[in-house]
Amino acid sequence: MDKWGNSTSCQEATDGSFLTYTCAKFYETPFGYKKTILCLDGSWISPQPVCQPAAHCVTNGYGDVMPKEKYRVGAGKLYNTYNDSRDPDAQHLEISRIIIHSGYKGENRRFQADIALLVTNESFILNEWVQPVCFNDVNTIHLHAGYTGVVAGWGATENGLRSDKLKILEIPYKYETTCAQELPREWANKYAMIDKICAGFFNMSMAVCKGDSGGGLVFKNPEDNRFYVHGVVSIGPAEKGECNIQQNSLYTKVAFYYEFLERDQQKLPDR
């Protein structure tokens, strides 16, 4: 439960689960704060690996890119700590380049274009624990109300601390009209932009929270039975300075920035 007595339970991921696409981006601040990112399958085609976080995970408050040397990427991880001995199959890579959308300026532009690409210096080795998630042609796959998506992360739990073990949450996609009715009106008018999708629960004590930013929201495509990344955890309304677990959240719409993502990945040299 959280500090107000609400249940915040969610499911723990297990080794070799279908959520193997989640990789961890570690950025050490003075407080040891870390966030997570998601790797795209398009990166494997390059075959240079490319990871897709939210832009606010790799920039300062004004939208300026942070030095790439401050980041590392880990794949095949189940536990939060970078070199956790309980992750014997984890792979770690350095980052050679950080690319953000030119339209991202943080709060000044209401977190529009909250998406980025991280290019690693080498390729991951694909195995049982490290697999990509589909990205190709996601702009042609349409979501409908009630579709269930999955998001994973090490975000804050009921005690306000980051989860030690990766957790997953299944949430429904919602149309913009439904989301506008459920979100706080003033907040929705400011942040519910055309480049966002809405997903989550209303008054059910389950939501993404601090530390989940940049994680991918994936949906299974019934036509080919594969998981595609449709959203990237961006923003959600707060309650008393904390994440509001009674509310939906907004995710950067990957399809909206498909051309940006595709164009920049094609510019990367093959290895």
C-alpha atoms as a PDB file:
ATOM      1  CA  MET A   1       0.000   0.000   0.000  1.00  0.00           C
ATOM      2  CA  ASP A   2       1.003   3.601  -0.443  1.00  0.00           C
ATOM      3  CA  LYS A   3       1.067   6.266   2.275  1.00  0.00           C
ATOM      4  CA  TRP A   4      -2.696   6.804   1.838  1.00  0.00           C
ATOM      5  CA  GLY A   5      -3.547   3.129   2.282  1.00  0.00           C
ATOM      6  CA  ASN A   6      -4.088   2.365  -1.404  1.00  0.00           C
ATOM      7  CA  SER A   7      -2.931  -0.906  -2.924  1.00  0.00           C
ATOM      8  CA  THR A   8      -0.090  -0.486  -5.408  1.00  0.00           C
ATOM      9  CA  SER A   9       0.654  -4.129  -6.112  1.00  0.00           C
ATOM     10  CA  CYS A  10       1.980  -5.123  -9.489  1.00  0.00           C
ATOM     11  CA  GLN A  11       3.545  -8.241 -10.903  1.00  0.00           C
ATOM     12  CA  GLU A  12       7.250  -9.025 -10.668  1.00  0.00           C
ATOM     13  CA  ALA A  13       8.995 -10.040 -13.844  1.00  0.00           C
ATOM     14  CA  THR A  14      10.814 -13.379 -13.967  1.00  0.00           C
ATOM     15  CA  ASP A  15      13.992 -14.540 -15.675  1.00  0.00           C
ATOM     16  CA  GLY A  16      13.374 -15.225 -19.347  1.00  0.00           C
ATOM     17  CA  SER A  17       9.914 -13.643 -19.361  1.00  0.00           C
ATOM     18  CA  PHE A  18       8.523 -12.050 -22.519  1.00  0.00           C
ATOM     19  CA  LEU A  19       9.693  -8.671 -21.179  1.00  0.00           C
ATOM     20  CA  THR A  20      13.261  -9.350 -22.238  1.00  0.00           C
ATOM     21  CA  TYR A  21      13.201  -6.194 -24.372  1.00  0.00           C
ATOM     22  CA  THR A  22      13.635  -3.964 -21.321  1.00  0.00           C
ATOM     23  CA  CYS A  23      17.164  -2.738 -20.744  1.00  0.00           C
ATOM     24  CA  ALA A  24      18.388  -0.409 -18.050  1.00  0.00           C
ATOM     25  CA  LYS A  25      19.991   2.968 -18.614  1.00  0.00           C
ATOM     26  CA  PHE A  26      21.958   3.998 -15.559  1.00  0.00           C
ATOM     27  CA  TYR A  27      22.651   7.651 -14.857  1.00  0.00           C
ATOM     28  CA  GLU A  28      24.291   8.382 -11.518  1.00  0.00           C
ATOM     29  CA  THR A  29      23.282  11.687  -9.944  1.00  0.00           C
ATOM     30  CA  PRO A  30      24.472  12.780  -6.495  1.00  0.00           C
ATOM     31  CA  PHE A  31      21.528  10.808  -5.125  1.00  0.00           C
ATOM     32  CA  GLY A  32      22.303   7.659  -7.088  1.00  0.00           C
ATOM     33  CA  TYR A  33      19.109   8.022  -9.115  1.00  0.00           C
ATOM     34  CA  LYS A  34      18.669   5.656 -12.057  1.00  0.00           C
ATOM     35  CA  LYS A  35      16.089   5.310 -14.815  1.00  0.00           C
ATOM     36  CA  THR A  36      15.219   2.725 -17.453  1.00  0.00           C
ATOM     37  CA  ILE A  37      15.024   2.692 -21.214  1.00  0.00           C
ATOM     38  CA  LEU A  38      13.749   0.440 -23.947  1.00  0.00           C
ATOM     39  CA  CYS A  39      15.692  -1.031 -26.878  1.00  0.00           C
ATOM     40  CA  LEU A  40      14.165  -1.141 -30.357  1.00  0.00           C
ATOM     41  CA  ASP A  41      14.400  -4.041 -32.779  1.00  0.00           C
ATOM     42  CA  GLY A  42      15.367  -1.585 -35.520  1.00  0.00           C
ATOM     43  CA  SER A  43      18.669  -1.256 -33.711  1.00  0.00           C
ATOM     44  CA  TRP A  44      19.426  -4.901 -34.349  1.00  0.00           C
ATOM     45  CA  ILE A  45      18.838  -4.460 -38.064  1.00  0.00           C
ATOM     46  CA  SER A  46      21.463  -1.708 -38.173  1.00  0.00           C
ATOM     47  CA  PRO A  47      22.938  -3.997 -36.594  1.00  0.00           C
ATOM     48  CA  GLN A  48      24.141  -1.315 -34.225  1.00  0.00           C
ATOM     49  CA  PRO A  49      21.967  -1.325 -31.080  1.00  0.00           C
ATOM     50  CA  VAL A  50      19.819   1.746 -30.521  1.00  0.00           C
ATOM     51  CA  CYS A  51      17.823   2.370 -27.352  1.00  0.00           C
ATOM     52  CA  GLN A  52      14.751   4.575 -27.139  1.00  0.00           C
ATOM     53  CA  PRO A  53      14.128   6.458 -23.875  1.00  0.00           C
ATOM     54  CA  ALA A  54      12.117   9.560 -23.125  1.00  0.00           C
ATOM     55  CA  ALA A  55      14.083  12.723 -23.879  1.00  0.00           C
ATOM     56  CA  HIS A  56      13.713  13.974 -20.304  1.00  0.00           C
ATOM     57  CA  CYS A  57      15.766  10.958 -19.157  1.00  0.00           C
ATOM     58  CA  VAL A  58      18.869  12.211 -20.976  1.00  0.00           C
ATOM     59  CA  THR A  59      18.533  16.010 -20.812  1.00  0.00           C
ATOM     60  CA  ASN A  60      18.486  18.778 -18.239  1.00  0.00           C
ATOM     61  CA  GLY A  61      15.397  20.835 -17.439  1.00  0.00           C
ATOM     62  CA  TYR A  62      15.902  23.007 -20.529  1.00  0.00           C
ATOM     63  CA  GLY A  63      16.185  20.159 -23.018  1.00  0.00           C
ATOM     64  CA  ASP A  64      19.975  20.239 -23.325  1.00  0.00           C
ATOM     65  CA  VAL A  65      21.547  16.813 -23.835  1.00  0.00           C
ATOM     66  CA  MET A  66      23.591  15.488 -20.934  1.00  0.00           C
ATOM     67  CA  PRO A  67      27.126  14.145 -21.596  1.00  0.00           C
ATOM     68  CA  LYS A  68      27.002  10.603 -22.956  1.00  0.00           C
ATOM     69  CA  GLU A  69      29.839   9.620 -20.625  1.00  0.00           C
ATOM     70  CA  LYS A  70      27.425   9.810 -17.703  1.00  0.00           C
ATOM     71  CA  TYR A  71      25.360   6.905 -19.024  1.00  0.00           C
ATOM     72  CA  ARG A  72      25.683   3.154 -19.424  1.00  0.00           C
ATOM     73  CA  VAL A  73      23.221   0.640 -20.842  1.00  0.00           C
ATOM     74  CA  GLY A  74      22.488  -2.758 -19.350  1.00  0.00           C
ATOM     75  CA  ALA A  75      20.424  -5.497 -21.008  1.00  0.00           C
ATOM     76  CA  GLY A  76      19.130  -8.791 -19.679  1.00  0.00           C
ATOM     77  CA  LYS A  77      18.712  -7.339 -16.199  1.00  0.00           C
ATOM     78  CA  LEU A  78      16.139  -8.252 -13.575  1.00  0.00           C
ATOM     79  CA  TYR A  79      17.562  -6.273 -10.649  1.00  0.00           C
ATOM     80  CA  ASN A  80      18.020  -2.534 -10.239  1.00  0.00           C
ATOM     81  CA  THR A  81      21.693  -2.260  -9.244  1.00  0.00           C
ATOM     82  CA  TYR A  82      24.055  -1.850 -12.198  1.00  0.00           C
ATOM     83  CA  ASN A  83      26.429  -4.741 -11.428  1.00  0.00           C
ATOM     84  CA  ASP A  84      24.054  -6.854  -9.359  1.00  0.00           C
ATOM     85  CA  SER A  85      25.469 -10.355  -8.848  1.00  0.00           C
ATOM     86  CA  ARG A  86      21.943 -11.744  -9.256  1.00  0.00           C
ATOM     87  CA  ASP A  87      22.084 -10.773 -12.942  1.00  0.00           C
ATOM     88  CA  PRO A  88      24.733 -13.220 -14.210  1.00  0.00           C
ATOM     89  CA  ASP A  89      23.539 -12.942 -17.812  1.00  0.00           C
ATOM     90  CA  ALA A  90      23.378  -9.134 -17.977  1.00  0.00           C
ATOM     91  CA  GLN A  91      25.276  -7.272 -20.698  1.00  0.00           C
ATOM     92  CA  HIS A  92      26.624  -3.737 -20.273  1.00  0.00           C
ATOM     93  CA  LEU A  93      27.602  -1.265 -22.991  1.00  0.00           C
ATOM     94  CA  GLU A  94      28.807   2.310 -23.183  1.00  0.00           C
ATOM     95  CA  ILE A  95      26.968   4.953 -25.200  1.00  0.00           C
ATOM     96  CA  SER A  96      28.563   6.554 -28.239  1.00  0.00           C
ATOM     97  CA  ARG A  97      25.822   9.038 -29.114  1.00  0.00           C
ATOM     98  CA  ILE A  98      22.614  10.567 -27.736  1.00  0.00           C
ATOM     99  CA  ILE A  99      20.032  11.905 -30.200  1.00  0.00           C
ATOM    100  CA  ILE A 100      16.998  13.902 -29.105  1.00  0.00           C
ATOM    101  CA  HIS A 101      14.202  15.349 -31.204  1.00  0.00           C
ATOM    102  CA  SER A 102      14.816  18.987 -32.125  1.00  0.00           C
ATOM    103  CA  GLY A 103      11.371  19.925 -30.813  1.00  0.00           C
ATOM    104  CA  TYR A 104      12.042  18.826 -27.258  1.00  0.00           C
ATOM    105  CA  LYS A 105      12.478  21.710 -24.792  1.00  0.00           C
ATOM    106  CA  GLY A 106      11.209  20.130 -21.583  1.00  0.00           C
ATOM    107  CA  GLU A 107       8.563  21.916 -19.551  1.00  0.00           C
ATOM    108  CA  ASN A 108       8.896  25.003 -21.781  1.00  0.00           C
ATOM    109  CA  ARG A 109       7.077  23.083 -24.525  1.00  0.00           C
ATOM    110  CA  ARG A 110       4.939  20.936 -22.234  1.00  0.00           C
ATOM    111  CA  PHE A 111       7.114  17.870 -22.814  1.00  0.00           C
ATOM    112  CA  GLN A 112       6.319  17.618 -26.496  1.00  0.00           C
ATOM    113  CA  ALA A 113       8.712  15.386 -28.465  1.00  0.00           C
ATOM    114  CA  ASP A 114       9.715  13.573 -25.273  1.00  0.00           C
ATOM    115  CA  ILE A 115      11.652  10.891 -27.100  1.00  0.00           C
ATOM    116  CA  ALA A 116      15.304  10.150 -27.821  1.00  0.00           C
ATOM    117  CA  LEU A 117      17.730   7.615 -29.259  1.00  0.00           C
ATOM    118  CA  LEU A 118      20.817   6.241 -27.520  1.00  0.00           C
ATOM    119  CA  VAL A 119      23.435   4.592 -29.712  1.00  0.00           C
ATOM    120  CA  THR A 120      25.708   2.085 -27.989  1.00  0.00           C
ATOM    121  CA  ASN A 121      29.345   1.545 -28.907  1.00  0.00           C
ATOM    122  CA  GLU A 122      28.886  -2.173 -29.590  1.00  0.00           C
ATOM    123  CA  SER A 123      26.125  -4.687 -30.263  1.00  0.00           C
ATOM    124  CA  PHE A 124      24.348  -6.806 -27.705  1.00  0.00           C
ATOM    125  CA  ILE A 125      24.524 -10.581 -28.018  1.00  0.00           C
ATOM    126  CA  LEU A 126      21.004 -11.916 -28.566  1.00  0.00           C
ATOM    127  CA  ASN A 127      20.067 -14.837 -26.343  1.00  0.00           C
ATOM    128  CA  GLU A 128      17.272 -16.099 -24.083  1.00  0.00           C
ATOM    129  CA  TRP A 129      17.481 -12.985 -21.880  1.00  0.00           C
ATOM    130  CA  VAL A 130      18.281 -10.276 -24.428  1.00  0.00           C
ATOM    131  CA  GLN A 131      15.744  -9.835 -27.224  1.00  0.00           C
ATOM    132  CA  PRO A 132      14.441  -6.795 -29.145  1.00  0.00           C
ATOM    133  CA  VAL A 133      10.891  -5.498 -29.312  1.00  0.00           C
ATOM    134  CA  CYS A 134       9.297  -4.672 -32.679  1.00  0.00           C
ATOM    135  CA  PHE A 135       9.305  -1.114 -34.011  1.00  0.00           C
ATOM    136  CA  ASN A 136       9.106  -1.483 -37.777  1.00  0.00           C
ATOM    137  CA  ASP A 137       5.897  -0.113 -39.328  1.00  0.00           C
ATOM    138  CA  VAL A 138       4.380   0.627 -35.912  1.00  0.00           C
ATOM    139  CA  ASN A 139       2.831   3.703 -37.548  1.00  0.00           C
ATOM    140  CA  THR A 140       0.542   1.381 -39.542  1.00  0.00           C
ATOM    141  CA  ILE A 141      -0.721  -0.540 -36.487  1.00  0.00           C
ATOM    142  CA  HIS A 142      -3.715   1.099 -34.835  1.00  0.00           C
ATOM    143  CA  LEU A 143      -4.673   0.731 -31.191  1.00  0.00           C
ATOM    144  CA  HIS A 144      -8.267   0.496 -29.994  1.00  0.00           C
ATOM    145  CA  ALA A 145      -9.851   1.200 -26.622  1.00  0.00           C
ATOM    146  CA  GLY A 146      -9.481  -1.753 -24.302  1.00  0.00           C
ATOM    147  CA  TYR A 147      -6.300  -3.113 -25.881  1.00  0.00           C
ATOM    148  CA  THR A 148      -4.033  -4.224 -23.035  1.00  0.00           C
ATOM    149  CA  GLY A 149      -0.466  -2.980 -23.023  1.00  0.00           C
ATOM    150  CA  VAL A 150       2.476  -3.906 -20.823  1.00  0.00           C
ATOM    151  CA  VAL A 151       5.035  -1.577 -19.243  1.00  0.00           C
ATOM    152  CA  ALA A 152       8.012  -2.538 -17.077  1.00  0.00           C
ATOM    153  CA  GLY A 153      10.338  -0.658 -14.768  1.00  0.00           C
ATOM    154  CA  TRP A 154      12.085  -0.197 -11.451  1.00  0.00           C
ATOM    155  CA  GLY A 155      10.016   2.826 -10.456  1.00  0.00           C
ATOM    156  CA  ALA A 156       8.907   3.885  -6.983  1.00  0.00           C
ATOM    157  CA  THR A 157       6.696   1.440  -5.094  1.00  0.00           C
ATOM    158  CA  GLU A 158       4.402   1.777  -2.083  1.00  0.00           C
ATOM    159  CA  ASN A 159       7.284   2.778   0.211  1.00  0.00           C
ATOM    160  CA  GLY A 160       8.392   5.590  -2.090  1.00  0.00           C
ATOM    161  CA  LEU A 161      11.635   3.803  -2.970  1.00  0.00           C
ATOM    162  CA  ARG A 162      12.667   2.320  -6.289  1.00  0.00           C
ATOM    163  CA  SER A 163      11.859  -1.337  -6.747  1.00  0.00           C
ATOM    164  CA  ASP A 164      14.830  -3.662  -6.365  1.00  0.00           C
ATOM    165  CA  LYS A 165      13.361  -6.114  -8.864  1.00  0.00           C
ATOM    166  CA  LEU A 166      11.866  -5.364 -12.269  1.00  0.00           C
ATOM    167  CA  LYS A 167       8.081  -5.100 -12.142  1.00  0.00           C
ATOM    168  CA  ILE A 168       5.514  -5.242 -14.908  1.00  0.00           C
ATOM    169  CA  LEU A 169       2.078  -3.664 -15.161  1.00  0.00           C
ATOM    170  CA  GLU A 170      -0.697  -4.475 -17.619  1.00  0.00           C
ATOM    171  CA  ILE A 171      -2.783  -1.410 -18.463  1.00  0.00           C
ATOM    172  CA  PRO A 172      -5.531  -0.595 -20.983  1.00  0.00           C
ATOM    173  CA  TYR A 173      -5.163   1.854 -23.859  1.00  0.00           C
ATOM    174  CA  LYS A 174      -7.736   4.660 -23.782  1.00  0.00           C
ATOM    175  CA  TYR A 175      -9.064   7.038 -26.399  1.00  0.00           C
ATOM    176  CA  GLU A 176      -8.286  10.730 -25.968  1.00  0.00           C
ATOM    177  CA  THR A 177     -11.898  11.586 -25.101  1.00  0.00           C
ATOM    178  CA  THR A 178     -11.994   9.081 -22.242  1.00  0.00           C
ATOM    179  CA  CYS A 179      -8.651  10.246 -20.943  1.00  0.00           C
ATOM    180  CA  ALA A 180      -9.731  13.893 -21.040  1.00  0.00           C
ATOM    181  CA  GLN A 181     -12.767  13.048 -18.906  1.00  0.00           C
ATOM    182  CA  GLU A 182     -10.709  11.191 -16.295  1.00  0.00           C
ATOM    183  CA  LEU A 183      -7.570  13.333 -16.043  1.00  0.00           C
ATOM    184  CA  PRO A 184      -7.605  16.612 -14.075  1.00  0.00           C
ATOM    185  CA  ARG A 185      -8.984  19.119 -16.599  1.00  0.00           C
ATOM    186  CA  GLU A 186      -6.351  21.831 -16.206  1.00  0.00           C
ATOM    187  CA  TRP A 187      -3.526  19.299 -16.325  1.00  0.00           C
ATOM    188  CA  ALA A 188      -4.964  17.542 -19.378  1.00  0.00           C
ATOM    189  CA  ASN A 189      -5.460  20.823 -21.241  1.00  0.00           C
ATOM    190  CA  LYS A 190      -1.778  21.570 -20.730  1.00  0.00           C
ATOM    191  CA  TYR A 191      -0.093  18.216 -21.351  1.00  0.00           C
ATOM    192  CA  ALA A 192      -2.450  15.959 -23.343  1.00  0.00           C
ATOM    193  CA  MET A 193      -0.915  16.878 -26.692  1.00  0.00           C
ATOM    194  CA  ILE A 194      -1.346  15.267 -30.090  1.00  0.00           C
ATOM    195  CA  ASP A 195       1.970  13.427 -29.716  1.00  0.00           C
ATOM    196  CA  LYS A 196       0.837  11.487 -26.629  1.00  0.00           C
ATOM    197  CA  ILE A 197      -1.228   8.370 -26.049  1.00  0.00           C
ATOM    198  CA  CYS A 198      -3.127   7.669 -22.850  1.00  0.00           C
ATOM    199  CA  ALA A 199      -3.133   4.415 -20.913  1.00  0.00           C
ATOM    200  CA  GLY A 200      -3.791   3.278 -17.373  1.00  0.00           C
ATOM    201  CA  PHE A 201      -6.494   2.950 -14.748  1.00  0.00           C
ATOM    202  CA  PHE A 202      -8.772   5.469 -13.052  1.00  0.00           C
ATOM    203  CA  ASN A 203      -9.246   5.101  -9.278  1.00  0.00           C
ATOM    204  CA  MET A 204      -7.714   1.625  -9.174  1.00  0.00           C
ATOM    205  CA  SER A 205      -4.431   2.378  -7.341  1.00  0.00           C
ATOM    206  CA  MET A 206      -2.164   1.183 -10.154  1.00  0.00           C
ATOM    207  CA  ALA A 207       0.096   3.388 -12.259  1.00  0.00           C
ATOM    208  CA  VAL A 208       3.639   3.991 -13.431  1.00  0.00           C
ATOM    209  CA  CYS A 209       5.624   6.169 -11.054  1.00  0.00           C
ATOM    210  CA  LYS A 210       8.902   8.053 -10.586  1.00  0.00           C
ATOM    211  CA  GLY A 211      11.747   6.001 -12.006  1.00  0.00           C
ATOM    212  CA  ASP A 212       9.619   4.366 -14.713  1.00  0.00           C
ATOM    213  CA  SER A 213      10.206   7.265 -17.132  1.00  0.00           C
ATOM    214  CA  GLY A 214      11.504   6.221 -20.523  1.00  0.00           C
ATOM    215  CA  GLY A 215      10.157   2.694 -20.256  1.00  0.00           C
ATOM    216  CA  GLY A 216       8.294   1.277 -23.227  1.00  0.00           C
ATOM    217  CA  LEU A 217       4.568   0.573 -23.429  1.00  0.00           C
ATOM    218  CA  VAL A 218       4.105  -2.432 -25.701  1.00  0.00           C
ATOM    219  CA  PHE A 219       1.054  -4.077 -27.235  1.00  0.00           C
ATOM    220  CA  LYS A 220       0.758  -7.459 -28.919  1.00  0.00           C
ATOM    221  CA  ASN A 221      -0.252  -7.142 -32.563  1.00  0.00           C
ATOM    222  CA  PRO A 222      -2.962  -9.767 -33.227  1.00  0.00           C
ATOM    223  CA  GLU A 223      -1.943 -10.031 -36.886  1.00  0.00           C
ATOM    224  CA  ASP A 224       1.562 -11.393 -36.269  1.00  0.00           C
ATOM    225  CA  ASN A 225       1.430 -12.138 -32.516  1.00  0.00           C
ATOM    226  CA  ARG A 226       4.467  -9.932 -31.832  1.00  0.00           C
ATOM    227  CA  PHE A 227       4.949  -7.130 -29.317  1.00  0.00           C
ATOM    228  CA  TYR A 228       5.354  -3.588 -30.706  1.00  0.00           C
ATOM    229  CA  VAL A 229       6.445  -0.522 -28.771  1.00  0.00           C
ATOM    230  CA  HIS A 230       3.716   2.127 -29.082  1.00  0.00           C
ATOM    231  CA  GLY A 231       4.543   4.437 -26.198  1.00  0.00           C
ATOM    232  CA  VAL A 232       7.349   5.721 -23.997  1.00  0.00           C
ATOM    233  CA  VAL A 233       6.578   6.651 -20.371  1.00  0.00           C
ATOM    234  CA  SER A 234       6.507  10.460 -20.327  1.00  0.00           C
ATOM    235  CA  ILE A 235       4.351  12.270 -17.732  1.00  0.00           C
ATOM    236  CA  GLY A 236       1.444  11.843 -15.352  1.00  0.00           C
ATOM    237  CA  PRO A 237      -0.490  14.030 -12.904  1.00  0.00           C
ATOM    238  CA  ALA A 238       0.907  14.400  -9.378  1.00  0.00           C
ATOM    239  CA  GLU A 239      -0.807  14.224  -5.991  1.00  0.00           C
ATOM    240  CA  LYS A 240       0.809  16.072  -3.073  1.00  0.00           C
ATOM    241  CA  GLY A 241       4.112  16.073  -4.908  1.00  0.00           C
ATOM    242  CA  GLU A 242       3.997  12.322  -5.518  1.00  0.00           C
ATOM    243  CA  CYS A 243       2.830  10.320  -8.525  1.00  0.00           C
ATOM    244  CA  ASN A 244      -0.937   9.907  -8.522  1.00  0.00           C
ATOM    245  CA  ILE A 245      -1.567   6.170  -8.690  1.00  0.00           C
ATOM    246  CA  GLN A 246      -5.296   6.790  -9.159  1.00  0.00           C
ATOM    247  CA  GLN A 247      -4.726   8.346 -12.575  1.00  0.00           C
ATOM    248  CA  ASN A 248      -3.852   7.468 -16.145  1.00  0.00           C
ATOM    249  CA  SER A 249      -0.470   8.450 -17.562  1.00  0.00           C
ATOM    250  CA  LEU A 250       0.636   9.932 -20.869  1.00  0.00           C
ATOM    251  CA  TYR A 251       3.128   8.196 -23.124  1.00  0.00           C
ATOM    252  CA  THR A 252       5.036   9.667 -26.045  1.00  0.00           C
ATOM    253  CA  LYS A 253       3.405   8.239 -29.164  1.00  0.00           C
ATOM    254  CA  VAL A 254       6.096   6.331 -31.058  1.00  0.00           C
ATOM    255  CA  ALA A 255       4.077   6.325 -34.293  1.00  0.00           C
ATOM    256  CA  PHE A 256       3.944  10.136 -34.209  1.00  0.00           C
ATOM    257  CA  TYR A 257       7.756  10.249 -34.342  1.00  0.00           C
ATOM    258  CA  TYR A 258       8.240   7.234 -36.580  1.00  0.00           C
ATOM    259  CA  GLU A 259       9.915   9.214 -39.364  1.00  0.00           C
ATOM    260  CA  PHE A 260      12.335  10.831 -36.906  1.00  0.00           C
ATOM    261  CA  LEU A 261      13.270   7.470 -35.395  1.00  0.00           C
ATOM    262  CA  GLU A 262      13.533   5.699 -38.731  1.00  0.00           C
ATOM    263  CA  ARG A 263      15.548   8.487 -40.358  1.00  0.00           C
ATOM    264  CA  ASP A 264      18.115   8.740 -37.585  1.00  0.00           C
ATOM    265  CA  GLN A 265      18.572   4.986 -37.342  1.00  0.00           C
ATOM    266  CA  GLN A 266      19.200   4.741 -41.079  1.00  0.00           C
ATOM    267  CA  LYS A 267      21.989   7.316 -40.739  1.00  0.00           C
ATOM    268  CA  LEU A 268      23.904   5.058 -38.369  1.00  0.00           C
ATOM    269  CA  PRO A 269      26.835   3.193 -39.936  1.00  0.00           C
ATOM    270  CA  ASP A 270      26.685  -0.597 -40.138  1.00  0.00           C
ATOM    271  CA  ARG A 271      29.139  -2.503 -38.015  1.00  0.00           C
END
